[in-house]
Amino acid sequence: MEHNKETVSELIKAAVLRINDGVSRTLTARRVDETPPQHSRHLTDTRTRVSTLLEYALSYELNHILLEKKEGYSVSNVLWNVFPDLLIRDPDKENVMGLEVKALHTAAEEKSANLHTPLPLIRKGRDFIVILIWGWVQDGASGTQIIYPHIHYHDVFDAWLIAKIRDTTWLINSRDRIKGIDISTPIISANENEFKAEEGNLGKLMRINMSNDTSRSMPYYDEMHAESERYESFKAKALSLGVIETIKDIAFALGTNPHFESNITSYPNTATLIATTNIDNKNISFVAGPQRRGMSWSDVTNDSNVHDRIIVYLGSKLEWKVISGRSEVIAKGKKPESELSKIIQAITD
């Protein structure tokens, strides 16, 4: 078996198909009327637990796929909390590849998973970040309406290249502070002649990007740039899925089905009409993305009768507003997942 990203990508694709085809329905399904606690702390606990179960399901299915190939390879979980989460071992049980698994919930207001492992501890071309983006899906095929987590999207990235991009951009964006990376820890200037460990923002997956000021003469620049372009596509997909799944949750609570626009390529760069629906003779437009100066809601919705509409607006961290056609903010909040009843009341009143 080749020890490279292409091999890992094929293995992950096969494992995700098995998880979505039945494992997640069995391990993590619940009846529609089994409502989890809605306090934000409990929702976070639920999200963390489901992500952990999906990560375990991935390791289980990967191991079975390798066993079926009968080449002597296997997957083992790393039992202590260090990078990576999983190891792919050859027939001699040597650690030939590492997988750091990040399962992100679409509805999370900020997907806070991070890669904080120091660059020297990551093997270029041998250690990979596996990202799973999941959301809740309803299914009634068995005669009972159930809800279970479905992996909507997955991708694999070279962990060394992503960490190199992380460190380079962080050092470039120093502003008036002194930054450095010692043997194991990023440090930043605090008071005069004093330094402290970086505050903890370095490595958050949704904040990693390749600075335009990165020198083209830097070793591995072309590889970093190519991986960065793929990574930016992942972040845009993660944001889009978060908005889409949140809209589905709101529409389900309203008892209606949303119609999604076929072309939403302008999101997340500008305010974009994502979906529409109707309830009680009210036309509802779901909009997401930053609103440019001078842009009106009628520009966004392509509807001159905007005064007859209600707009549900979702920001970059899924903060929400319910807006009347006359641009009056009826209600607003930060976490739609735990504030559905408030959103529904604002729409239906």
Protein backbone atom coordinates (compact mmCIF):
# COMPACT_ATOMS: atom_id res chain seq x y z
CA MET A 1 0.00 0.00 0.00
CA GLU A 2 1.32 3.44 -0.92
CA HIS A 3 1.95 5.74 2.04
CA ASN A 4 0.54 9.01 0.70
CA LYS A 5 -2.45 11.36 0.77
CA GLU A 6 -4.15 9.73 -2.23
CA THR A 7 -4.25 6.38 -0.40
CA VAL A 8 -5.61 8.01 2.75
CA SER A 9 -8.25 9.90 0.76
CA GLU A 10 -9.53 6.69 -0.84
CA LEU A 11 -9.66 4.94 2.55
CA ILE A 12 -11.54 7.84 4.17
CA LYS A 13 -14.03 8.00 1.29
CA ALA A 14 -14.82 4.29 1.65
CA ALA A 15 -15.13 4.54 5.45
CA VAL A 16 -17.44 7.58 5.29
CA LEU A 17 -19.73 5.75 2.85
CA ARG A 18 -20.04 2.88 5.33
CA ILE A 19 -20.77 5.26 8.21
CA ASN A 20 -23.46 7.13 6.27
CA ASP A 21 -24.98 3.92 4.90
CA GLY A 22 -25.86 2.58 8.32
CA VAL A 23 -23.43 2.93 11.17
CA SER A 24 -24.54 6.41 12.25
CA ARG A 25 -28.22 5.40 12.07
CA THR A 26 -27.50 2.54 14.47
CA LEU A 27 -25.04 4.13 16.87
CA THR A 28 -26.41 7.65 17.23
CA ALA A 29 -30.04 7.76 16.02
CA ARG A 30 -32.86 9.15 18.13
CA ARG A 31 -36.60 9.52 17.66
CA VAL A 32 -37.83 12.93 16.50
CA ASP A 33 -39.77 13.33 19.75
CA GLU A 34 -36.62 12.72 21.82
CA THR A 35 -35.48 16.30 22.12
CA PRO A 36 -32.06 16.87 23.67
CA PRO A 37 -31.64 19.62 26.31
CA GLN A 38 -31.58 22.99 24.55
CA HIS A 39 -29.28 24.90 26.88
CA SER A 40 -26.14 25.87 24.96
CA ARG A 41 -23.91 23.92 27.36
CA HIS A 42 -25.90 20.72 26.78
CA LEU A 43 -25.90 21.28 23.01
CA THR A 44 -22.12 21.62 23.12
CA ASP A 45 -21.86 18.40 25.14
CA THR A 46 -24.08 16.59 22.61
CA ARG A 47 -22.04 17.92 19.69
CA THR A 48 -18.80 16.80 21.34
CA ARG A 49 -20.16 13.34 22.11
CA VAL A 50 -21.45 12.79 18.57
CA SER A 51 -18.16 13.99 17.08
CA THR A 52 -16.27 11.54 19.29
CA LEU A 53 -18.55 8.68 18.23
CA LEU A 54 -18.08 9.54 14.55
CA GLU A 55 -14.32 9.63 15.02
CA TYR A 56 -14.46 6.18 16.61
CA ALA A 57 -16.75 4.90 13.83
CA LEU A 58 -14.22 6.16 11.30
CA SER A 59 -11.35 4.28 12.96
CA TYR A 60 -13.48 1.12 13.21
CA GLU A 61 -14.49 1.20 9.54
CA LEU A 62 -10.97 2.08 8.38
CA ASN A 63 -9.58 -0.89 10.25
CA HIS A 64 -12.14 -3.26 8.72
CA ILE A 65 -11.41 -1.94 5.22
CA LEU A 66 -7.69 -2.58 5.72
CA LEU A 67 -8.35 -6.04 7.13
CA GLU A 68 -10.48 -6.87 4.09
CA LYS A 69 -7.58 -5.93 1.81
CA LYS A 70 -5.49 -8.64 3.54
CA GLU A 71 -2.23 -6.74 3.13
CA GLY A 72 -1.39 -6.76 6.83
CA TYR A 73 -2.15 -3.08 7.48
CA SER A 74 -4.27 -1.95 10.44
CA VAL A 75 -5.50 1.16 12.26
CA SER A 76 -4.93 1.81 15.95
CA ASN A 77 -6.25 4.60 18.17
CA VAL A 78 -3.68 6.68 20.02
CA LEU A 79 -4.71 6.30 23.66
CA TRP A 80 -3.17 9.50 24.98
CA ASN A 81 -4.15 13.02 24.03
CA VAL A 82 -1.40 13.86 21.55
CA PHE A 83 -1.13 14.28 17.79
CA PRO A 84 -2.34 12.30 15.83
CA ASP A 85 -5.57 10.52 16.77
CA LEU A 86 -5.05 7.41 14.63
CA LEU A 87 -2.06 5.50 13.32
CA ILE A 88 -1.97 3.36 10.20
CA ARG A 89 0.47 0.51 10.83
CA ASP A 90 2.18 -1.74 8.31
CA PRO A 91 2.43 -5.55 8.66
CA ASP A 92 5.35 -5.08 11.09
CA LYS A 93 3.18 -2.71 13.18
CA GLU A 94 5.38 0.25 12.24
CA ASN A 95 3.67 3.65 12.31
CA VAL A 96 3.65 4.58 8.60
CA MET A 97 0.93 7.29 8.56
CA GLY A 98 -0.92 9.39 11.12
CA LEU A 99 -4.47 10.75 10.96
CA GLU A 100 -5.65 13.71 13.02
CA VAL A 101 -9.46 13.55 12.86
CA LYS A 102 -11.62 16.66 13.24
CA ALA A 103 -15.41 16.17 13.24
CA LEU A 104 -17.19 19.51 12.92
CA HIS A 105 -20.91 20.12 13.43
CA THR A 106 -22.50 22.27 10.74
CA ALA A 107 -24.63 24.21 13.26
CA ALA A 108 -21.76 25.17 15.56
CA GLU A 109 -21.58 28.98 15.70
CA GLU A 110 -17.78 28.74 15.64
CA LYS A 111 -16.07 25.54 14.61
CA SER A 112 -13.35 25.69 17.25
CA ALA A 113 -11.32 22.57 16.41
CA ASN A 114 -7.67 23.44 16.07
CA LEU A 115 -4.26 22.20 15.00
CA HIS A 116 -1.81 23.37 17.66
CA THR A 117 0.84 20.66 17.22
CA PRO A 118 4.34 22.14 16.68
CA LEU A 119 5.63 21.78 13.13
CA PRO A 120 8.68 19.63 14.05
CA LEU A 121 6.36 16.96 15.47
CA ILE A 122 4.49 16.54 12.17
CA ARG A 123 5.80 14.37 9.31
CA LYS A 124 5.46 15.94 5.87
CA GLY A 125 3.56 13.63 3.53
CA ARG A 126 2.96 11.09 6.30
CA ASP A 127 0.62 12.84 8.75
CA PHE A 128 -2.77 14.08 7.62
CA ILE A 129 -5.74 16.08 8.88
CA VAL A 130 -9.04 14.31 8.20
CA ILE A 131 -12.02 16.67 8.42
CA LEU A 132 -15.60 15.40 8.74
CA ILE A 133 -18.46 17.90 8.59
CA TRP A 134 -21.70 16.48 9.95
CA GLY A 135 -25.26 17.58 10.56
CA TRP A 136 -28.56 16.13 11.76
CA VAL A 137 -30.70 14.36 9.14
CA GLN A 138 -34.28 13.08 9.41
CA ASP A 139 -35.38 9.75 8.03
CA GLY A 140 -38.67 7.87 8.17
CA ALA A 141 -37.93 4.90 5.90
CA SER A 142 -38.34 2.41 8.76
CA GLY A 143 -41.82 3.76 9.61
CA THR A 144 -40.56 5.80 12.56
CA GLN A 145 -39.19 9.30 12.15
CA ILE A 146 -35.62 9.37 13.43
CA ILE A 147 -32.82 11.92 13.51
CA TYR A 148 -29.20 10.91 13.15
CA PRO A 149 -25.86 12.55 12.30
CA HIS A 150 -24.86 12.41 8.64
CA ILE A 151 -21.39 13.26 7.32
CA HIS A 152 -22.12 15.80 4.58
CA TYR A 153 -18.54 16.49 3.54
CA HIS A 154 -15.05 15.24 4.19
CA ASP A 155 -11.54 16.02 3.03
CA VAL A 156 -7.92 15.16 3.74
CA PHE A 157 -5.05 17.64 4.04
CA ASP A 158 -1.30 17.33 4.53
CA ALA A 159 -0.90 18.28 8.19
CA TRP A 160 2.66 19.55 7.74
CA LEU A 161 1.69 21.95 4.94
CA ILE A 162 -1.31 23.27 6.89
CA ALA A 163 0.87 23.77 9.99
CA LYS A 164 3.51 25.52 7.87
CA ILE A 165 0.83 27.87 6.48
CA ARG A 166 -0.46 28.41 10.04
CA ASP A 167 2.94 29.40 11.42
CA THR A 168 4.01 31.53 8.46
CA THR A 169 0.85 33.63 8.39
CA TRP A 170 0.92 34.05 12.18
CA LEU A 171 4.47 35.35 12.06
CA ILE A 172 3.74 37.67 9.12
CA ASN A 173 0.74 39.21 10.92
CA SER A 174 2.85 40.52 13.80
CA ARG A 175 1.74 44.19 13.62
CA ASP A 176 3.64 45.98 16.39
CA ARG A 177 4.27 42.90 18.53
CA ILE A 178 7.26 40.59 18.58
CA LYS A 179 6.45 36.97 17.77
CA GLY A 180 8.51 33.83 17.73
CA ILE A 181 8.32 30.06 17.86
CA ASP A 182 10.70 28.28 20.20
CA ILE A 183 11.27 24.53 20.33
CA SER A 184 7.65 23.73 21.19
CA THR A 185 5.59 26.85 21.90
CA PRO A 186 4.64 30.01 19.99
CA ILE A 187 5.47 33.11 22.06
CA ILE A 188 4.40 36.72 21.80
CA SER A 189 5.56 39.92 23.45
CA ALA A 190 3.61 41.00 26.53
CA ASN A 191 5.11 43.81 28.59
CA GLU A 192 8.50 45.37 27.94
CA ASN A 193 11.24 42.70 27.80
CA GLU A 194 8.69 40.00 28.61
CA PHE A 195 7.12 37.26 26.54
CA LYS A 196 4.22 34.91 27.07
CA ALA A 197 2.76 31.87 25.35
CA GLU A 198 0.40 32.60 22.47
CA GLU A 199 -3.17 33.09 23.73
CA GLY A 200 -4.65 29.98 22.10
CA ASN A 201 -6.01 31.30 18.80
CA LEU A 202 -3.14 29.93 16.71
CA GLY A 203 -4.29 26.84 14.84
CA LYS A 204 -8.07 27.25 14.90
CA LEU A 205 -9.05 25.45 11.72
CA MET A 206 -11.42 28.09 10.37
CA ARG A 207 -8.82 30.86 10.86
CA ILE A 208 -5.86 29.24 9.12
CA ASN A 209 -5.08 30.94 5.83
CA MET A 210 -2.07 31.62 3.65
CA SER A 211 -1.03 35.27 3.74
CA ASN A 212 -0.65 37.07 0.41
CA ASP A 213 2.63 38.38 1.82
CA THR A 214 4.17 34.91 1.98
CA SER A 215 7.48 35.01 0.09
CA ARG A 216 7.49 32.99 -3.12
CA SER A 217 11.08 32.05 -2.37
CA MET A 218 10.02 30.17 0.75
CA PRO A 219 10.79 26.44 0.55
CA TYR A 220 7.69 24.42 -0.41
CA TYR A 221 5.85 27.60 -1.48
CA ASP A 222 4.11 25.92 -4.45
CA GLU A 223 2.93 22.99 -2.35
CA MET A 224 1.72 25.34 0.39
CA HIS A 225 -0.15 27.48 -2.14
CA ALA A 226 -1.87 24.49 -3.76
CA GLU A 227 -2.90 23.07 -0.37
CA SER A 228 -4.07 26.52 0.73
CA GLU A 229 -6.42 26.81 -2.26
CA ARG A 230 -7.96 23.44 -1.39
CA TYR A 231 -8.21 24.50 2.24
CA GLU A 232 -10.02 27.74 1.36
CA SER A 233 -12.55 25.67 -0.59
CA PHE A 234 -13.07 23.51 2.51
CA LYS A 235 -13.71 26.56 4.71
CA ALA A 236 -16.23 27.99 2.22
CA LYS A 237 -17.98 24.60 2.09
CA ALA A 238 -18.08 24.39 5.89
CA LEU A 239 -19.65 27.85 6.15
CA SER A 240 -22.21 27.06 3.42
CA LEU A 241 -23.21 23.79 5.05
CA GLY A 242 -23.60 25.55 8.40
CA VAL A 243 -26.02 28.04 6.87
CA ILE A 244 -27.94 25.41 4.87
CA GLU A 245 -28.40 23.06 7.82
CA THR A 246 -29.48 25.94 10.09
CA ILE A 247 -32.08 27.01 7.53
CA LYS A 248 -33.37 23.43 7.35
CA ASP A 249 -33.70 23.37 11.16
CA ILE A 250 -35.67 26.63 11.16
CA ALA A 251 -37.90 25.50 8.30
CA PHE A 252 -38.58 22.15 10.01
CA ALA A 253 -39.60 23.98 13.18
CA LEU A 254 -41.93 26.13 11.05
CA GLY A 255 -43.43 23.01 9.47
CA THR A 256 -42.41 23.96 5.95
CA ASN A 257 -39.84 22.97 3.33
CA PRO A 258 -37.40 25.61 2.08
CA HIS A 259 -36.56 26.09 -1.59
CA PHE A 260 -32.81 26.52 -1.96
CA GLU A 261 -31.39 28.74 -4.67
CA SER A 262 -29.43 26.88 -7.34
CA ASN A 263 -26.58 29.40 -7.45
CA ILE A 264 -25.14 30.66 -4.16
CA THR A 265 -21.53 31.05 -5.31
CA SER A 266 -21.37 34.66 -4.07
CA TYR A 267 -21.59 33.39 -0.46
CA PRO A 268 -19.65 33.86 1.83
CA ASN A 269 -18.17 36.95 0.16
CA THR A 270 -21.36 39.00 0.09
CA ALA A 271 -24.96 38.90 1.31
CA THR A 272 -26.69 36.17 -0.67
CA LEU A 273 -30.23 34.82 -0.94
CA ILE A 274 -29.86 31.18 0.14
CA ALA A 275 -33.46 29.92 0.34
CA THR A 276 -37.11 30.93 0.44
CA THR A 277 -40.31 29.48 1.90
CA ASN A 278 -43.90 30.45 2.70
CA ILE A 279 -46.00 30.12 5.83
CA ASP A 280 -49.37 31.68 6.72
CA ASN A 281 -49.24 33.88 3.59
CA LYS A 282 -45.84 35.19 4.63
CA ASN A 283 -42.92 35.06 2.22
CA ILE A 284 -39.70 34.27 4.05
CA SER A 285 -36.23 34.86 2.60
CA PHE A 286 -33.15 33.34 4.20
CA VAL A 287 -30.07 35.50 3.62
CA ALA A 288 -26.46 35.00 4.68
CA GLY A 289 -23.15 36.77 4.15
CA PRO A 290 -21.83 40.33 4.72
CA GLN A 291 -24.02 43.15 3.43
CA ARG A 292 -22.12 45.66 1.32
CA ARG A 293 -22.47 49.39 1.98
CA GLY A 294 -25.52 50.74 0.16
CA MET A 295 -26.96 47.31 -0.57
CA SER A 296 -30.70 47.02 0.13
CA TRP A 297 -32.57 43.87 1.04
CA SER A 298 -34.45 44.09 -2.28
CA ASP A 299 -31.07 43.89 -4.04
CA VAL A 300 -30.27 40.72 -2.14
CA THR A 301 -33.63 39.00 -2.57
CA ASN A 302 -34.19 40.20 -6.16
CA ASP A 303 -37.72 41.09 -5.13
CA SER A 304 -39.24 44.55 -5.46
CA ASN A 305 -42.04 43.50 -3.08
CA VAL A 306 -39.58 43.15 -0.21
CA HIS A 307 -42.04 44.91 2.11
CA ASP A 308 -44.21 41.81 1.96
CA ARG A 309 -41.33 39.63 3.09
CA ILE A 310 -39.69 38.54 6.31
CA ILE A 311 -35.93 38.14 6.12
CA VAL A 312 -34.04 35.68 8.31
CA TYR A 313 -30.43 36.81 8.25
CA LEU A 314 -27.51 34.58 9.34
CA GLY A 315 -24.07 36.06 10.00
CA SER A 316 -20.60 34.52 9.74
CA LYS A 317 -20.91 32.81 13.15
CA LEU A 318 -24.60 32.01 12.56
CA GLU A 319 -25.71 34.97 14.66
CA TRP A 320 -29.26 35.66 13.49
CA LYS A 321 -31.79 38.43 12.91
CA VAL A 322 -35.42 38.33 11.89
CA ILE A 323 -36.09 41.47 9.84
CA SER A 324 -39.35 42.87 8.53
CA GLY A 325 -39.69 44.05 4.95
CA ARG A 326 -39.27 47.61 6.18
CA SER A 327 -35.87 46.70 7.61
CA GLU A 328 -37.08 46.65 11.19
CA VAL A 329 -35.22 44.11 13.33
CA ILE A 330 -37.96 42.08 15.02
CA ALA A 331 -35.62 39.83 17.03
CA LYS A 332 -32.01 38.75 17.10
CA GLY A 333 -29.67 36.35 18.84
CA LYS A 334 -26.37 34.48 18.64
CA LYS A 335 -27.14 30.76 18.67
CA PRO A 336 -30.02 29.62 16.44
CA GLU A 337 -29.56 26.00 17.50
CA SER A 338 -30.67 26.83 21.06
CA GLU A 339 -32.98 29.75 20.15
CA LEU A 340 -35.28 28.14 17.58
CA SER A 341 -38.43 28.95 19.55
CA LYS A 342 -37.45 32.62 19.67
CA ILE A 343 -36.85 32.66 15.89
CA ILE A 344 -40.16 30.93 15.17
CA GLN A 345 -42.08 33.35 17.39
CA ALA A 346 -40.51 36.34 15.65
CA ILE A 347 -41.45 34.95 12.21
CA THR A 348 -45.01 33.91 13.03
CA ASP A 349 -46.18 36.80 15.23
